[in-house]
Structures are given as structure tokens and as C-alpha cells.
Amino acid sequence: MNEYTATVNATEYPPQLKHKVIFETFDDLEPEQSMLLINDHDPKPLYYQFSATRGEQFNWEYVEQGPEWFRVKITKQ
């Protein structure tokens, strides 16, 4: 079974859609399901946005931390 229910490669979306797609994908997850976020820079500002808007509803785990690619496992609590 795949470890991730969904994958979002943020590099495939224009800047104005990236966060919208990421949050919609996360919101569609069931509790305990995970998504993989792929980005070409550290998405740390997104982590702070998740904290502000989703509180304790998520777990953020770096799978790869650059320098070229950043992969983050985001799990819905």
C-alpha cells in the first residue's frame, strides 16, 4: 500500500494556485492519511500557515531537505 494518499508537486502549479491546491488536498484527507508535498525550496512558510489555519490537525515531517528538492510528509491527525 502506498504511504501517501496524495502527492502535490508544487512546482507544477502557478504561484497563485500552489497553496490553494495544497490545502484542498490536505482537507480531502481522512484522519491518519498522509500527503507528500514536493517543492524546489523549503516550504517552511507553508508550515506556519498550516499551524495558523489547521492548528493541531496535522503532522509535518521532512522526508528530504534540499538542497535541490524538499519533500514533506503531511499527515492529517
C-alpha atoms as a PDB file:
ATOM      1  CA  MET A   1       0.000   0.000   0.000  1.00  0.00           C
ATOM      2  CA  ASN A   2       1.247   3.494  -0.840  1.00  0.00           C
ATOM      3  CA  GLU A   3       2.403   5.510   2.156  1.00  0.00           C
ATOM      4  CA  TYR A   4       0.792   8.642   0.679  1.00  0.00           C
ATOM      5  CA  THR A   5      -2.855   9.108  -0.205  1.00  0.00           C
ATOM      6  CA  ALA A   6      -1.983  12.080  -2.427  1.00  0.00           C
ATOM      7  CA  THR A   7       1.060  13.834  -3.855  1.00  0.00           C
ATOM      8  CA  VAL A   8       1.310  17.515  -4.695  1.00  0.00           C
ATOM      9  CA  ASN A   9       4.280  18.663  -6.743  1.00  0.00           C
ATOM     10  CA  ALA A  10       4.083  22.401  -6.059  1.00  0.00           C
ATOM     11  CA  THR A  11       6.442  23.161  -8.941  1.00  0.00           C
ATOM     12  CA  GLU A  12       3.678  22.178 -11.374  1.00  0.00           C
ATOM     13  CA  TYR A  13       1.328  24.986 -10.277  1.00  0.00           C
ATOM     14  CA  PRO A  14       1.433  28.745 -10.807  1.00  0.00           C
ATOM     15  CA  PRO A  15       2.226  30.694  -7.626  1.00  0.00           C
ATOM     16  CA  GLN A  16      -1.348  31.894  -7.105  1.00  0.00           C
ATOM     17  CA  LEU A  17      -2.664  28.287  -7.022  1.00  0.00           C
ATOM     18  CA  LYS A  18       0.011  26.444  -5.008  1.00  0.00           C
ATOM     19  CA  HIS A  19      -1.339  26.976  -1.501  1.00  0.00           C
ATOM     20  CA  LYS A  20      -4.945  26.540  -2.634  1.00  0.00           C
ATOM     21  CA  VAL A  21      -4.152  23.124  -4.131  1.00  0.00           C
ATOM     22  CA  ILE A  22      -2.063  22.063  -1.136  1.00  0.00           C
ATOM     23  CA  PHE A  23      -4.740  22.984   1.421  1.00  0.00           C
ATOM     24  CA  GLU A  24      -7.562  21.466  -0.639  1.00  0.00           C
ATOM     25  CA  THR A  25      -5.585  18.233  -0.951  1.00  0.00           C
ATOM     26  CA  PHE A  26      -4.922  18.188   2.794  1.00  0.00           C
ATOM     27  CA  ASP A  27      -8.562  18.937   3.625  1.00  0.00           C
ATOM     28  CA  ASP A  28      -9.669  15.974   1.485  1.00  0.00           C
ATOM     29  CA  LEU A  29      -7.557  13.550   3.542  1.00  0.00           C
ATOM     30  CA  GLU A  30      -9.139  11.322   6.152  1.00  0.00           C
ATOM     31  CA  PRO A  31      -7.587  11.234   9.648  1.00  0.00           C
ATOM     32  CA  GLU A  32      -4.260   9.349   9.674  1.00  0.00           C
ATOM     33  CA  GLN A  33      -3.842   9.720   5.897  1.00  0.00           C
ATOM     34  CA  SER A  34      -0.762  11.475   4.531  1.00  0.00           C
ATOM     35  CA  MET A  35       0.123  13.545   1.526  1.00  0.00           C
ATOM     36  CA  LEU A  36       3.531  14.164   0.016  1.00  0.00           C
ATOM     37  CA  LEU A  37       4.454  17.736  -0.821  1.00  0.00           C
ATOM     38  CA  ILE A  38       7.284  18.210  -3.318  1.00  0.00           C
ATOM     39  CA  ASN A  39       8.866  21.623  -3.725  1.00  0.00           C
ATOM     40  CA  ASP A  40      12.047  23.207  -5.087  1.00  0.00           C
ATOM     41  CA  HIS A  41      12.580  25.349  -1.964  1.00  0.00           C
ATOM     42  CA  ASP A  42      11.986  24.953   1.744  1.00  0.00           C
ATOM     43  CA  PRO A  43       8.213  25.289   2.315  1.00  0.00           C
ATOM     44  CA  LYS A  44       8.691  26.473   5.925  1.00  0.00           C
ATOM     45  CA  PRO A  45       6.333  29.482   5.455  1.00  0.00           C
ATOM     46  CA  LEU A  46       3.646  26.969   4.481  1.00  0.00           C
ATOM     47  CA  TYR A  47       4.259  25.150   7.774  1.00  0.00           C
ATOM     48  CA  TYR A  48       3.451  28.371   9.627  1.00  0.00           C
ATOM     49  CA  GLN A  49       0.309  28.825   7.539  1.00  0.00           C
ATOM     50  CA  PHE A  50      -0.746  25.259   8.391  1.00  0.00           C
ATOM     51  CA  SER A  51      -0.126  25.998  12.080  1.00  0.00           C
ATOM     52  CA  ALA A  52      -2.218  29.150  11.923  1.00  0.00           C
ATOM     53  CA  THR A  53      -5.134  27.650   9.992  1.00  0.00           C
ATOM     54  CA  ARG A  54      -5.133  23.958  10.928  1.00  0.00           C
ATOM     55  CA  GLY A  55      -3.739  24.056  14.472  1.00  0.00           C
ATOM     56  CA  GLU A  56      -3.111  20.574  15.838  1.00  0.00           C
ATOM     57  CA  GLN A  57      -4.774  18.843  12.881  1.00  0.00           C
ATOM     58  CA  PHE A  58      -1.538  17.974  11.085  1.00  0.00           C
ATOM     59  CA  ASN A  59       1.921  16.476  11.459  1.00  0.00           C
ATOM     60  CA  TRP A  60       4.786  17.865   9.338  1.00  0.00           C
ATOM     61  CA  GLU A  61       7.773  15.605   8.613  1.00  0.00           C
ATOM     62  CA  TYR A  62      10.605  16.373   6.222  1.00  0.00           C
ATOM     63  CA  VAL A  63      11.453  13.397   4.028  1.00  0.00           C
ATOM     64  CA  GLU A  64      14.109  15.313   2.063  1.00  0.00           C
ATOM     65  CA  GLN A  65      15.570  18.727   2.922  1.00  0.00           C
ATOM     66  CA  GLY A  66      17.265  20.060  -0.209  1.00  0.00           C
ATOM     67  CA  PRO A  67      19.326  21.467  -1.461  1.00  0.00           C
ATOM     68  CA  GLU A  68      17.559  20.821  -4.766  1.00  0.00           C
ATOM     69  CA  TRP A  69      14.287  19.228  -3.626  1.00  0.00           C
ATOM     70  CA  PHE A  70      12.218  19.384  -0.498  1.00  0.00           C
ATOM     71  CA  ARG A  71       9.768  16.605   0.249  1.00  0.00           C
ATOM     72  CA  VAL A  72       7.411  16.853   3.202  1.00  0.00           C
ATOM     73  CA  LYS A  73       5.046  14.224   4.546  1.00  0.00           C
ATOM     74  CA  ILE A  74       1.943  15.986   5.906  1.00  0.00           C
ATOM     75  CA  THR A  75      -0.375  13.748   7.919  1.00  0.00           C
ATOM     76  CA  LYS A  76      -3.886  14.644   8.992  1.00  0.00           C
ATOM     77  CA  GLN A  77      -4.456  13.978  12.694  1.00  0.00           C
END
